[in-house]
PDB file of all heavy atoms in Angstrom:
ATOM      1  N   ILE A   1      90.021  90.892 103.668  1.00  0.00           N
ATOM      2  CA  ILE A   1      90.579  92.230 103.871  1.00  0.00           C
ATOM      3  C   ILE A   1      91.573  92.491 102.752  1.00  0.00           C
ATOM      4  O   ILE A   1      92.452  91.663 102.489  1.00  0.00           O
ATOM      5  CB  ILE A   1      91.275  92.374 105.231  1.00  0.00           C
ATOM      6  CG1 ILE A   1      90.304  92.081 106.381  1.00  0.00           C
ATOM      7  CG2 ILE A   1      91.847  93.779 105.377  1.00  0.00           C
ATOM      8  CD1 ILE A   1      90.945  92.173 107.754  1.00  0.00           C
ATOM      9  N   VAL A   2      91.425  93.638 102.108  1.00  0.00           N
ATOM     10  CA  VAL A   2      92.318  94.034 101.020  1.00  0.00           C
ATOM     11  C   VAL A   2      93.109  95.270 101.440  1.00  0.00           C
ATOM     12  O   VAL A   2      92.529  96.261 101.875  1.00  0.00           O
ATOM     13  CB  VAL A   2      91.523  94.367  99.735  1.00  0.00           C
ATOM     14  CG1 VAL A   2      92.479  94.771  98.610  1.00  0.00           C
ATOM     15  CG2 VAL A   2      90.648  93.201  99.317  1.00  0.00           C
ATOM     16  N   VAL A   3      94.435  95.200 101.318  1.00  0.00           N
ATOM     17  CA  VAL A   3      95.284  96.383 101.443  1.00  0.00           C
ATOM     18  C   VAL A   3      95.664  96.791 100.022  1.00  0.00           C
ATOM     19  O   VAL A   3      96.276  96.003  99.293  1.00  0.00           O
ATOM     20  CB  VAL A   3      96.551  96.106 102.277  1.00  0.00           C
ATOM     21  CG1 VAL A   3      97.461  97.334 102.283  1.00  0.00           C
ATOM     22  CG2 VAL A   3      96.174  95.718 103.707  1.00  0.00           C
ATOM     23  N   CYS A   4      95.291  98.002  99.626  1.00  0.00           N
ATOM     24  CA  CYS A   4      95.488  98.436  98.245  1.00  0.00           C
ATOM     25  C   CYS A   4      96.410  99.646  98.175  1.00  0.00           C
ATOM     26  O   CYS A   4      96.055 100.743  98.620  1.00  0.00           O
ATOM     27  CB  CYS A   4      94.140  98.768  97.603  1.00  0.00           C
ATOM     28  SG  CYS A   4      94.242  99.220  95.857  1.00  0.00           S
ATOM     29  N   GLY A   5      97.603  99.439  97.625  1.00  0.00           N
ATOM     30  CA  GLY A   5      98.521 100.531  97.355  1.00  0.00           C
ATOM     31  C   GLY A   5      98.349 101.020  95.926  1.00  0.00           C
ATOM     32  O   GLY A   5      97.531 100.496  95.171  1.00  0.00           O
ATOM     33  N   HIS A   6      99.150 102.008  95.538  1.00  0.00           N
ATOM     34  CA  HIS A   6      98.987 102.541  94.181  1.00  0.00           C
ATOM     35  C   HIS A   6     100.257 103.240  93.703  1.00  0.00           C
ATOM     36  O   HIS A   6     101.158 103.564  94.486  1.00  0.00           O
ATOM     37  CB  HIS A   6      97.811 103.516  94.139  1.00  0.00           C
ATOM     38  CG  HIS A   6      98.032 104.779  94.927  1.00  0.00           C
ATOM     39  ND1 HIS A   6      98.505 105.940  94.352  1.00  0.00           N
ATOM     40  CD2 HIS A   6      97.863 105.053  96.240  1.00  0.00           C
ATOM     41  CE1 HIS A   6      98.598 106.882  95.272  1.00  0.00           C
ATOM     42  NE2 HIS A   6      98.217 106.366  96.428  1.00  0.00           N
ATOM     43  N   SER A   7     100.297 103.481  92.410  1.00  0.00           N
ATOM     44  CA  SER A   7     101.436 104.164  91.794  1.00  0.00           C
ATOM     45  C   SER A   7     101.419 105.648  92.140  1.00  0.00           C
ATOM     46  O   SER A   7     100.381 106.209  92.518  1.00  0.00           O
ATOM     47  CB  SER A   7     101.383 103.980  90.273  1.00  0.00           C
ATOM     48  OG  SER A   7     100.188 104.561  89.743  1.00  0.00           O
ATOM     49  N   ASP A   8     102.586 106.294  92.000  1.00  0.00           N
ATOM     50  CA  ASP A   8     102.725 107.742  92.212  1.00  0.00           C
ATOM     51  C   ASP A   8     102.187 108.176  93.572  1.00  0.00           C
ATOM     52  O   ASP A   8     101.542 109.221  93.711  1.00  0.00           O
ATOM     53  CB  ASP A   8     102.005 108.504  91.090  1.00  0.00           C
ATOM     54  CG  ASP A   8     102.402 109.974  91.026  1.00  0.00           C
ATOM     55  OD1 ASP A   8     103.608 110.266  91.151  1.00  0.00           O
ATOM     56  OD2 ASP A   8     101.512 110.835  90.851  1.00  0.00           O
ATOM     57  N   CYS A   9     102.447 107.374  94.604  1.00  0.00           N
ATOM     58  CA  CYS A   9     101.918 107.647  95.942  1.00  0.00           C
ATOM     59  C   CYS A   9     102.717 108.747  96.634  1.00  0.00           C
ATOM     60  O   CYS A   9     103.940 108.616  96.820  1.00  0.00           O
ATOM     61  CB  CYS A   9     101.942 106.370  96.780  1.00  0.00           C
ATOM     62  SG  CYS A   9     101.255 106.572  98.439  1.00  0.00           S
ATOM     63  N   GLY A  10     102.048 109.828  97.026  1.00  0.00           N
ATOM     64  CA  GLY A  10     102.727 110.938  97.691  1.00  0.00           C
ATOM     65  C   GLY A  10     103.337 110.539  99.021  1.00  0.00           C
ATOM     66  O   GLY A  10     104.403 111.036  99.396  1.00  0.00           O
ATOM     67  N   ALA A  11     102.675 109.626  99.750  1.00  0.00           N
ATOM     68  CA  ALA A  11     103.218 109.173 101.029  1.00  0.00           C
ATOM     69  C   ALA A  11     104.530 108.439 100.830  1.00  0.00           C
ATOM     70  O   ALA A  11     105.497 108.631 101.593  1.00  0.00           O
ATOM     71  CB  ALA A  11     102.209 108.268 101.725  1.00  0.00           C
ATOM     72  N   MET A  12     104.611 107.609  99.796  1.00  0.00           N
ATOM     73  CA  MET A  12     105.843 106.879  99.521  1.00  0.00           C
ATOM     74  C   MET A  12     106.945 107.817  99.022  1.00  0.00           C
ATOM     75  O   MET A  12     108.126 107.604  99.302  1.00  0.00           O
ATOM     76  CB  MET A  12     105.585 105.762  98.500  1.00  0.00           C
ATOM     77  CG  MET A  12     104.545 104.735  98.933  1.00  0.00           C
ATOM     78  SD  MET A  12     104.921 103.897 100.507  1.00  0.00           S
ATOM     79  CE  MET A  12     103.764 104.723 101.635  1.00  0.00           C
ATOM     80  N   LYS A  13     106.558 108.863  98.307  1.00  0.00           N
ATOM     81  CA  LYS A  13     107.542 109.879  97.907  1.00  0.00           C
ATOM     82  C   LYS A  13     108.124 110.552  99.143  1.00  0.00           C
ATOM     83  O   LYS A  13     109.321 110.860  99.195  1.00  0.00           O
ATOM     84  CB  LYS A  13     106.886 110.919  97.003  1.00  0.00           C
ATOM     85  CG  LYS A  13     106.523 110.418  95.616  1.00  0.00           C
ATOM     86  CD  LYS A  13     105.867 111.519  94.799  1.00  0.00           C
ATOM     87  CE  LYS A  13     105.479 111.035  93.408  1.00  0.00           C
ATOM     88  NZ  LYS A  13     104.801 112.092  92.618  1.00  0.00           N
ATOM     89  N   GLY A  14     107.278 110.776 100.148  1.00  0.00           N
ATOM     90  CA  GLY A  14     107.755 111.363 101.390  1.00  0.00           C
ATOM     91  C   GLY A  14     108.736 110.462 102.111  1.00  0.00           C
ATOM     92  O   GLY A  14     109.708 110.929 102.706  1.00  0.00           O
ATOM     93  N   LEU A  15     108.503 109.152 102.052  1.00  0.00           N
ATOM     94  CA  LEU A  15     109.454 108.210 102.642  1.00  0.00           C
ATOM     95  C   LEU A  15     110.807 108.298 101.952  1.00  0.00           C
ATOM     96  O   LEU A  15     111.859 108.243 102.603  1.00  0.00           O
ATOM     97  CB  LEU A  15     108.920 106.778 102.515  1.00  0.00           C
ATOM     98  CG  LEU A  15     107.979 106.259 103.591  1.00  0.00           C
ATOM     99  CD1 LEU A  15     107.539 104.852 103.240  1.00  0.00           C
ATOM    100  CD2 LEU A  15     108.642 106.271 104.962  1.00  0.00           C
ATOM    101  N   CYS A  16     110.770 108.427 100.627  1.00  0.00           N
ATOM    102  CA  CYS A  16     112.013 108.479  99.863  1.00  0.00           C
ATOM    103  C   CYS A  16     112.728 109.817 100.023  1.00  0.00           C
ATOM    104  O   CYS A  16     113.944 109.898  99.801  1.00  0.00           O
ATOM    105  CB  CYS A  16     111.718 108.236  98.377  1.00  0.00           C
ATOM    106  SG  CYS A  16     111.097 106.577  98.008  1.00  0.00           S
ATOM    107  N   HIS A  17     111.992 110.851 100.387  1.00  0.00           N
ATOM    108  CA  HIS A  17     112.570 112.200 100.538  1.00  0.00           C
ATOM    109  C   HIS A  17     112.071 112.816 101.846  1.00  0.00           C
ATOM    110  O   HIS A  17     111.153 113.644 101.841  1.00  0.00           O
ATOM    111  CB  HIS A  17     112.191 113.077  99.347  1.00  0.00           C
ATOM    112  CG  HIS A  17     112.704 112.576  98.039  1.00  0.00           C
ATOM    113  ND1 HIS A  17     114.020 112.755  97.625  1.00  0.00           N
ATOM    114  CD2 HIS A  17     112.084 111.876  97.053  1.00  0.00           C
ATOM    115  CE1 HIS A  17     114.181 112.206  96.440  1.00  0.00           C
ATOM    116  NE2 HIS A  17     113.036 111.665  96.080  1.00  0.00           N
ATOM    117  N   PRO A  18     112.656 112.412 102.977  1.00  0.00           N
ATOM    118  CA  PRO A  18     112.195 112.884 104.287  1.00  0.00           C
ATOM    119  C   PRO A  18     112.188 114.400 104.428  1.00  0.00           C
ATOM    120  O   PRO A  18     111.403 114.935 105.232  1.00  0.00           O
ATOM    121  CB  PRO A  18     113.203 112.251 105.263  1.00  0.00           C
ATOM    122  CG  PRO A  18     113.772 111.083 104.529  1.00  0.00           C
ATOM    123  CD  PRO A  18     113.785 111.469 103.091  1.00  0.00           C
ATOM    124  N   GLU A  19     113.034 115.087 103.673  1.00  0.00           N
ATOM    125  CA  GLU A  19     113.076 116.542 103.776  1.00  0.00           C
ATOM    126  C   GLU A  19     111.737 117.176 103.384  1.00  0.00           C
ATOM    127  O   GLU A  19     111.397 118.277 103.845  1.00  0.00           O
ATOM    128  CB  GLU A  19     114.208 117.112 102.904  1.00  0.00           C
ATOM    129  CG  GLU A  19     114.012 116.981 101.396  1.00  0.00           C
ATOM    130  CD  GLU A  19     114.407 115.623 100.829  1.00  0.00           C
ATOM    131  OE1 GLU A  19     114.768 114.736 101.629  1.00  0.00           O
ATOM    132  OE2 GLU A  19     114.365 115.469  99.601  1.00  0.00           O
ATOM    133  N   LEU A  20     110.966 116.485 102.560  1.00  0.00           N
ATOM    134  CA  LEU A  20     109.665 117.003 102.154  1.00  0.00           C
ATOM    135  C   LEU A  20     108.673 117.003 103.313  1.00  0.00           C
ATOM    136  O   LEU A  20     107.655 117.702 103.276  1.00  0.00           O
ATOM    137  CB  LEU A  20     109.093 116.161 101.004  1.00  0.00           C
ATOM    138  CG  LEU A  20     109.894 116.127  99.701  1.00  0.00           C
ATOM    139  CD1 LEU A  20     109.241 115.170  98.702  1.00  0.00           C
ATOM    140  CD2 LEU A  20     110.005 117.526  99.101  1.00  0.00           C
ATOM    141  N   LEU A  21     108.971 116.195 104.335  1.00  0.00           N
ATOM    142  CA  LEU A  21     108.038 116.034 105.443  1.00  0.00           C
ATOM    143  C   LEU A  21     108.329 116.966 106.612  1.00  0.00           C
ATOM    144  O   LEU A  21     107.595 116.955 107.609  1.00  0.00           O
ATOM    145  CB  LEU A  21     108.076 114.584 105.930  1.00  0.00           C
ATOM    146  CG  LEU A  21     107.719 113.513 104.899  1.00  0.00           C
ATOM    147  CD1 LEU A  21     107.873 112.135 105.507  1.00  0.00           C
ATOM    148  CD2 LEU A  21     106.307 113.711 104.374  1.00  0.00           C
ATOM    149  N   GLN A  22     109.382 117.776 106.517  1.00  0.00           N
ATOM    150  CA  GLN A  22     109.745 118.645 107.639  1.00  0.00           C
ATOM    151  C   GLN A  22     108.606 119.561 108.089  1.00  0.00           C
ATOM    152  O   GLN A  22     108.412 119.760 109.290  1.00  0.00           O
ATOM    153  CB  GLN A  22     110.993 119.455 107.276  1.00  0.00           C
ATOM    154  CG  GLN A  22     112.259 118.616 107.248  1.00  0.00           C
ATOM    155  CD  GLN A  22     113.502 119.428 106.949  1.00  0.00           C
ATOM    156  OE1 GLN A  22     113.429 120.640 106.733  1.00  0.00           O
ATOM    157  NE2 GLN A  22     114.641 118.763 106.928  1.00  0.00           N
ATOM    158  N   PRO A  23     107.819 120.137 107.169  1.00  0.00           N
ATOM    159  CA  PRO A  23     106.707 120.977 107.634  1.00  0.00           C
ATOM    160  C   PRO A  23     105.469 120.175 108.034  1.00  0.00           C
ATOM    161  O   PRO A  23     104.457 120.758 108.425  1.00  0.00           O
ATOM    162  CB  PRO A  23     106.398 121.862 106.426  1.00  0.00           C
ATOM    163  CG  PRO A  23     107.028 121.235 105.256  1.00  0.00           C
ATOM    164  CD  PRO A  23     107.971 120.173 105.717  1.00  0.00           C
ATOM    165  N   MET A  24     105.541 118.839 107.950  1.00  0.00           N
ATOM    166  CA  MET A  24     104.382 117.999 108.242  1.00  0.00           C
ATOM    167  C   MET A  24     104.746 116.932 109.270  1.00  0.00           C
ATOM    168  O   MET A  24     104.882 115.743 108.952  1.00  0.00           O
ATOM    169  CB  MET A  24     103.886 117.338 106.950  1.00  0.00           C
ATOM    170  CG  MET A  24     103.376 118.318 105.910  1.00  0.00           C
ATOM    171  SD  MET A  24     102.836 117.529 104.359  1.00  0.00           S
ATOM    172  CE  MET A  24     104.434 117.279 103.553  1.00  0.00           C
ATOM    173  N   PRO A  25     104.927 117.310 110.533  1.00  0.00           N
ATOM    174  CA  PRO A  25     105.388 116.350 111.546  1.00  0.00           C
ATOM    175  C   PRO A  25     104.419 115.199 111.777  1.00  0.00           C
ATOM    176  O   PRO A  25     104.837 114.075 112.071  1.00  0.00           O
ATOM    177  CB  PRO A  25     105.539 117.214 112.809  1.00  0.00           C
ATOM    178  CG  PRO A  25     104.678 118.413 112.560  1.00  0.00           C
ATOM    179  CD  PRO A  25     104.751 118.655 111.087  1.00  0.00           C
ATOM    180  N   ASN A  26     103.118 115.456 111.652  1.00  0.00           N
ATOM    181  CA  ASN A  26     102.156 114.369 111.854  1.00  0.00           C
ATOM    182  C   ASN A  26     102.237 113.333 110.743  1.00  0.00           C
ATOM    183  O   ASN A  26     102.125 112.132 110.989  1.00  0.00           O
ATOM    184  CB  ASN A  26     100.728 114.933 111.939  1.00  0.00           C
ATOM    185  CG  ASN A  26     100.464 115.604 113.272  1.00  0.00           C
ATOM    186  OD1 ASN A  26     100.723 115.031 114.323  1.00  0.00           O
ATOM    187  ND2 ASN A  26      99.946 116.817 113.229  1.00  0.00           N
ATOM    188  N   VAL A  27     102.428 113.811 109.521  1.00  0.00           N
ATOM    189  CA  VAL A  27     102.576 112.883 108.397  1.00  0.00           C
ATOM    190  C   VAL A  27     103.846 112.053 108.568  1.00  0.00           C
ATOM    191  O   VAL A  27     103.848 110.833 108.363  1.00  0.00           O
ATOM    192  CB  VAL A  27     102.611 113.639 107.056  1.00  0.00           C
ATOM    193  CG1 VAL A  27     102.888 112.676 105.902  1.00  0.00           C
ATOM    194  CG2 VAL A  27     101.298 114.373 106.823  1.00  0.00           C
TER     195      VAL A  27
END
């Protein structure tokens, strides 16, 4: 089983800036 992450990940940017996720409660 391989877990593969990547550079410039939008999900990780959202973790670093929670305010970006306010309109996306499921994310």
